[in-house]
Amino acid sequence: MQESHHDIHRQRGAIRLPRIIHRPDLQTRGQRSVFALVAAIGWLLWLYLFLPLATIASWIFGGHRFDAYVINNHGHSWSSLTIYAVTIALAGAALLIWAFYNYRRFRHADRRRPALPVTSERLALSFGVSSDQVAELQRSRHMTLRHDAQGNIVGTSEGEGARPA
């Protein structure tokens, strides 16, 4: 039996952690915060690389119209932008309230439960055979099943050299 890499280090004494730790529970809050900040900066730089593509898409889909009708139209631009900002803020607040509500509602509820074990009776009902046939199928190491045109089991044959009909 082979020993895992983790068990070998445990036998030698202190546990040696890998160079790249992907266990946030072993990191301090400061380390996690710095990691999150570095990741955010990395994502912003990555998005900045796509700014030329966004500019080209803006030209293709009429971004100059936004500039002409919203930015350079001083009569309506600030009122339009204010309405947009308030709408975005209200939508964001609604999403945050909904997320907080769901967090409070389901924080202690673990609804991910394992499936119930399948009984022989349920298997028999599912395959359209008797419980005795299911027991026989479970005991056998090699079994060939014969099916009709609709996929129902119509026969079985047991044995090492069993061949399909």
C-alpha atoms as a PDB file:
ATOM      1  CA  MET A   1       0.000   0.000   0.000  1.00  0.00           C
ATOM      2  CA  GLN A   2       1.435   3.375  -0.964  1.00  0.00           C
ATOM      3  CA  GLU A   3       1.631   6.159   1.560  1.00  0.00           C
ATOM      4  CA  SER A   4       0.398   9.550   0.562  1.00  0.00           C
ATOM      5  CA  HIS A   5       2.705  12.563   0.408  1.00  0.00           C
ATOM      6  CA  HIS A   6       0.901  14.041   3.427  1.00  0.00           C
ATOM      7  CA  ASP A   7       1.439  10.908   5.570  1.00  0.00           C
ATOM      8  CA  ILE A   8       5.166  10.806   4.793  1.00  0.00           C
ATOM      9  CA  HIS A   9       5.637  14.348   6.054  1.00  0.00           C
ATOM     10  CA  ARG A  10       3.581  13.612   9.164  1.00  0.00           C
ATOM     11  CA  GLN A  11       5.825  10.654  10.025  1.00  0.00           C
ATOM     12  CA  ARG A  12       8.999  12.722   9.812  1.00  0.00           C
ATOM     13  CA  GLY A  13       7.758  15.167  12.414  1.00  0.00           C
ATOM     14  CA  ALA A  14       6.084  18.491  11.785  1.00  0.00           C
ATOM     15  CA  ILE A  15       3.660  18.756   8.904  1.00  0.00           C
ATOM     16  CA  ARG A  16       5.185  20.640   6.004  1.00  0.00           C
ATOM     17  CA  LEU A  17       2.686  22.788   4.178  1.00  0.00           C
ATOM     18  CA  PRO A  18       2.917  23.025   0.402  1.00  0.00           C
ATOM     19  CA  ARG A  19       4.408  26.139  -1.158  1.00  0.00           C
ATOM     20  CA  ILE A  20       1.036  27.173  -2.541  1.00  0.00           C
ATOM     21  CA  ILE A  21      -1.579  27.139   0.190  1.00  0.00           C
ATOM     22  CA  HIS A  22      -5.151  26.849  -0.960  1.00  0.00           C
ATOM     23  CA  ARG A  23      -6.578  26.534   2.514  1.00  0.00           C
ATOM     24  CA  PRO A  24      -8.055  29.932   3.502  1.00  0.00           C
ATOM     25  CA  ASP A  25      -8.948  28.561   6.934  1.00  0.00           C
ATOM     26  CA  LEU A  26      -5.220  28.292   7.731  1.00  0.00           C
ATOM     27  CA  GLN A  27      -4.553  31.917   6.768  1.00  0.00           C
ATOM     28  CA  THR A  28      -5.017  34.957   8.957  1.00  0.00           C
ATOM     29  CA  ARG A  29      -7.624  37.583   8.106  1.00  0.00           C
ATOM     30  CA  GLY A  30      -4.825  39.930   6.999  1.00  0.00           C
ATOM     31  CA  GLN A  31      -3.381  37.349   4.613  1.00  0.00           C
ATOM     32  CA  ARG A  32      -6.810  36.696   3.109  1.00  0.00           C
ATOM     33  CA  SER A  33      -7.414  40.457   2.750  1.00  0.00           C
ATOM     34  CA  VAL A  34      -4.086  40.990   0.984  1.00  0.00           C
ATOM     35  CA  PHE A  35      -4.814  38.027  -1.301  1.00  0.00           C
ATOM     36  CA  ALA A  36      -8.253  39.478  -2.139  1.00  0.00           C
ATOM     37  CA  LEU A  37      -6.716  42.899  -2.860  1.00  0.00           C
ATOM     38  CA  VAL A  38      -4.033  41.424  -5.124  1.00  0.00           C
ATOM     39  CA  ALA A  39      -6.660  39.324  -6.923  1.00  0.00           C
ATOM     40  CA  ALA A  40      -8.889  42.386  -7.435  1.00  0.00           C
ATOM     41  CA  ILE A  41      -5.975  44.409  -8.817  1.00  0.00           C
ATOM     42  CA  GLY A  42      -5.107  41.520 -11.122  1.00  0.00           C
ATOM     43  CA  TRP A  43      -8.673  41.326 -12.430  1.00  0.00           C
ATOM     44  CA  LEU A  44      -8.779  45.098 -12.984  1.00  0.00           C
ATOM     45  CA  LEU A  45      -5.533  44.927 -14.964  1.00  0.00           C
ATOM     46  CA  TRP A  46      -6.922  42.006 -16.972  1.00  0.00           C
ATOM     47  CA  LEU A  47     -10.086  43.976 -17.775  1.00  0.00           C
ATOM     48  CA  TYR A  48      -7.969  47.008 -18.681  1.00  0.00           C
ATOM     49  CA  LEU A  49      -6.342  44.906 -21.395  1.00  0.00           C
ATOM     50  CA  PHE A  50      -9.777  44.497 -23.016  1.00  0.00           C
ATOM     51  CA  LEU A  51     -10.506  48.247 -23.065  1.00  0.00           C
ATOM     52  CA  PRO A  52      -9.455  48.607 -26.748  1.00  0.00           C
ATOM     53  CA  LEU A  53     -11.889  45.826 -27.717  1.00  0.00           C
ATOM     54  CA  ALA A  54     -14.647  47.566 -25.759  1.00  0.00           C
ATOM     55  CA  THR A  55     -13.856  50.806 -27.601  1.00  0.00           C
ATOM     56  CA  ILE A  56     -14.076  49.091 -30.990  1.00  0.00           C
ATOM     57  CA  ALA A  57     -17.387  47.469 -29.984  1.00  0.00           C
ATOM     58  CA  SER A  58     -18.646  50.882 -28.865  1.00  0.00           C
ATOM     59  CA  TRP A  59     -17.782  52.390 -32.255  1.00  0.00           C
ATOM     60  CA  ILE A  60     -19.482  49.521 -34.078  1.00  0.00           C
ATOM     61  CA  PHE A  61     -22.682  49.629 -31.999  1.00  0.00           C
ATOM     62  CA  GLY A  62     -23.092  53.404 -31.916  1.00  0.00           C
ATOM     63  CA  GLY A  63     -21.295  54.555 -28.790  1.00  0.00           C
ATOM     64  CA  HIS A  64     -20.793  57.985 -30.384  1.00  0.00           C
ATOM     65  CA  ARG A  65     -24.557  58.506 -30.075  1.00  0.00           C
ATOM     66  CA  PHE A  66     -24.328  58.167 -26.302  1.00  0.00           C
ATOM     67  CA  ASP A  67     -21.640  60.826 -26.309  1.00  0.00           C
ATOM     68  CA  ALA A  68     -23.731  63.152 -28.508  1.00  0.00           C
ATOM     69  CA  TYR A  69     -27.085  62.704 -26.762  1.00  0.00           C
ATOM     70  CA  VAL A  70     -26.070  62.255 -23.119  1.00  0.00           C
ATOM     71  CA  ILE A  71     -22.614  63.681 -22.456  1.00  0.00           C
ATOM     72  CA  ASN A  72     -22.618  66.703 -24.793  1.00  0.00           C
ATOM     73  CA  ASN A  73     -26.332  67.517 -24.333  1.00  0.00           C
ATOM     74  CA  HIS A  74     -25.971  69.617 -21.185  1.00  0.00           C
ATOM     75  CA  GLY A  75     -29.703  70.157 -20.854  1.00  0.00           C
ATOM     76  CA  HIS A  76     -30.491  66.515 -20.202  1.00  0.00           C
ATOM     77  CA  SER A  77     -27.181  64.838 -19.462  1.00  0.00           C
ATOM     78  CA  TRP A  78     -26.956  65.430 -15.702  1.00  0.00           C
ATOM     79  CA  SER A  79     -30.606  64.638 -15.113  1.00  0.00           C
ATOM     80  CA  SER A  80     -30.306  61.458 -17.218  1.00  0.00           C
ATOM     81  CA  LEU A  81     -27.116  60.375 -15.490  1.00  0.00           C
ATOM     82  CA  THR A  82     -28.690  61.097 -12.097  1.00  0.00           C
ATOM     83  CA  ILE A  83     -31.696  58.933 -12.974  1.00  0.00           C
ATOM     84  CA  TYR A  84     -29.364  56.168 -14.172  1.00  0.00           C
ATOM     85  CA  ALA A  85     -27.261  56.363 -10.991  1.00  0.00           C
ATOM     86  CA  VAL A  86     -30.324  56.288  -8.721  1.00  0.00           C
ATOM     87  CA  THR A  87     -31.797  53.348 -10.669  1.00  0.00           C
ATOM     88  CA  ILE A  88     -28.520  51.413 -10.422  1.00  0.00           C
ATOM     89  CA  ALA A  89     -28.222  52.203  -6.696  1.00  0.00           C
ATOM     90  CA  LEU A  90     -31.803  51.065  -6.011  1.00  0.00           C
ATOM     91  CA  ALA A  91     -31.318  47.844  -8.005  1.00  0.00           C
ATOM     92  CA  GLY A  92     -28.064  47.150  -6.149  1.00  0.00           C
ATOM     93  CA  ALA A  93     -29.710  47.853  -2.794  1.00  0.00           C
ATOM     94  CA  ALA A  94     -32.586  45.522  -3.662  1.00  0.00           C
ATOM     95  CA  LEU A  95     -30.137  42.744  -4.537  1.00  0.00           C
ATOM     96  CA  LEU A  96     -28.157  43.297  -1.331  1.00  0.00           C
ATOM     97  CA  ILE A  97     -31.327  43.259   0.775  1.00  0.00           C
ATOM     98  CA  TRP A  98     -32.463  40.060  -0.940  1.00  0.00           C
ATOM     99  CA  ALA A  99     -29.068  38.435  -0.397  1.00  0.00           C
ATOM    100  CA  PHE A 100     -29.034  39.445   3.289  1.00  0.00           C
ATOM    101  CA  TYR A 101     -32.599  38.153   3.718  1.00  0.00           C
ATOM    102  CA  ASN A 102     -31.674  34.791   2.180  1.00  0.00           C
ATOM    103  CA  TYR A 103     -28.507  34.615   4.258  1.00  0.00           C
ATOM    104  CA  ARG A 104     -30.474  35.214   7.488  1.00  0.00           C
ATOM    105  CA  ARG A 105     -33.192  32.782   6.426  1.00  0.00           C
ATOM    106  CA  PHE A 106     -30.972  29.868   5.354  1.00  0.00           C
ATOM    107  CA  ARG A 107     -27.739  30.371   7.336  1.00  0.00           C
ATOM    108  CA  HIS A 108     -28.313  27.389   9.632  1.00  0.00           C
ATOM    109  CA  ALA A 109     -30.308  25.238   7.231  1.00  0.00           C
ATOM    110  CA  ASP A 110     -28.350  22.589   5.397  1.00  0.00           C
ATOM    111  CA  ARG A 111     -30.668  21.465   2.631  1.00  0.00           C
ATOM    112  CA  ARG A 112     -27.981  19.445   0.847  1.00  0.00           C
ATOM    113  CA  ARG A 113     -28.730  15.988   2.137  1.00  0.00           C
ATOM    114  CA  PRO A 114     -27.475  12.746   0.648  1.00  0.00           C
ATOM    115  CA  ALA A 115     -29.909  10.709  -1.385  1.00  0.00           C
ATOM    116  CA  LEU A 116     -31.674   7.898   0.418  1.00  0.00           C
ATOM    117  CA  PRO A 117     -30.263   4.433  -0.242  1.00  0.00           C
ATOM    118  CA  VAL A 118     -32.066   2.551  -2.987  1.00  0.00           C
ATOM    119  CA  THR A 119     -33.917  -0.489  -1.697  1.00  0.00           C
ATOM    120  CA  SER A 120     -34.345  -3.738  -3.590  1.00  0.00           C
ATOM    121  CA  GLU A 121     -38.072  -3.055  -3.837  1.00  0.00           C
ATOM    122  CA  ARG A 122     -37.481   0.330  -5.488  1.00  0.00           C
ATOM    123  CA  LEU A 123     -34.974  -1.209  -7.907  1.00  0.00           C
ATOM    124  CA  ALA A 124     -37.457  -3.955  -8.763  1.00  0.00           C
ATOM    125  CA  LEU A 125     -40.199  -1.405  -9.383  1.00  0.00           C
ATOM    126  CA  SER A 126     -37.874   0.764 -11.486  1.00  0.00           C
ATOM    127  CA  PHE A 127     -36.702  -2.109 -13.705  1.00  0.00           C
ATOM    128  CA  GLY A 128     -40.042  -3.901 -13.836  1.00  0.00           C
ATOM    129  CA  VAL A 129     -38.743  -7.143 -12.308  1.00  0.00           C
ATOM    130  CA  SER A 130     -39.431  -9.010  -9.064  1.00  0.00           C
ATOM    131  CA  SER A 131     -37.520  -8.464  -5.825  1.00  0.00           C
ATOM    132  CA  ASP A 132     -36.181 -12.036  -6.110  1.00  0.00           C
ATOM    133  CA  GLN A 133     -34.687 -11.227  -9.522  1.00  0.00           C
ATOM    134  CA  VAL A 134     -33.048  -8.080  -8.109  1.00  0.00           C
ATOM    135  CA  ALA A 135     -31.529 -10.157  -5.291  1.00  0.00           C
ATOM    136  CA  GLU A 136     -30.249 -12.656  -7.868  1.00  0.00           C
ATOM    137  CA  LEU A 137     -28.745  -9.856  -9.970  1.00  0.00           C
ATOM    138  CA  GLN A 138     -27.016  -8.386  -6.914  1.00  0.00           C
ATOM    139  CA  ARG A 139     -25.498 -11.748  -5.913  1.00  0.00           C
ATOM    140  CA  SER A 140     -24.162 -12.566  -9.366  1.00  0.00           C
ATOM    141  CA  ARG A 141     -20.701 -11.497 -10.550  1.00  0.00           C
ATOM    142  CA  HIS A 142     -21.494 -11.893 -14.259  1.00  0.00           C
ATOM    143  CA  MET A 143     -24.994 -11.456 -15.605  1.00  0.00           C
ATOM    144  CA  THR A 144     -26.368 -10.873 -19.074  1.00  0.00           C
ATOM    145  CA  LEU A 145     -29.693  -9.089 -19.382  1.00  0.00           C
ATOM    146  CA  ARG A 146     -31.946  -9.433 -22.428  1.00  0.00           C
ATOM    147  CA  HIS A 147     -34.238  -6.555 -23.323  1.00  0.00           C
ATOM    148  CA  ASP A 148     -37.243  -6.178 -25.586  1.00  0.00           C
ATOM    149  CA  ALA A 149     -37.663  -3.389 -28.148  1.00  0.00           C
ATOM    150  CA  GLN A 150     -38.954  -1.001 -25.472  1.00  0.00           C
ATOM    151  CA  GLY A 151     -35.938  -1.590 -23.192  1.00  0.00           C
ATOM    152  CA  ASN A 152     -37.721  -3.763 -20.603  1.00  0.00           C
ATOM    153  CA  ILE A 153     -35.796  -6.662 -19.075  1.00  0.00           C
ATOM    154  CA  VAL A 154     -37.191  -9.913 -20.494  1.00  0.00           C
ATOM    155  CA  GLY A 155     -34.556 -12.385 -19.429  1.00  0.00           C
ATOM    156  CA  THR A 156     -31.286 -12.989 -17.634  1.00  0.00           C
ATOM    157  CA  SER A 157     -28.494 -15.501 -17.933  1.00  0.00           C
ATOM    158  CA  GLU A 158     -25.717 -16.017 -15.448  1.00  0.00           C
ATOM    159  CA  GLY A 159     -22.206 -17.216 -16.004  1.00  0.00           C
ATOM    160  CA  GLU A 160     -18.618 -16.301 -16.796  1.00  0.00           C
ATOM    161  CA  GLY A 161     -19.049 -16.719 -20.525  1.00  0.00           C
ATOM    162  CA  ALA A 162     -22.544 -15.291 -20.760  1.00  0.00           C
ATOM    163  CA  ARG A 163     -23.141 -13.765 -24.169  1.00  0.00           C
ATOM    164  CA  PRO A 164     -25.800 -11.275 -25.223  1.00  0.00           C
ATOM    165  CA  ALA A 165     -28.711 -12.799 -27.100  1.00  0.00           C
END
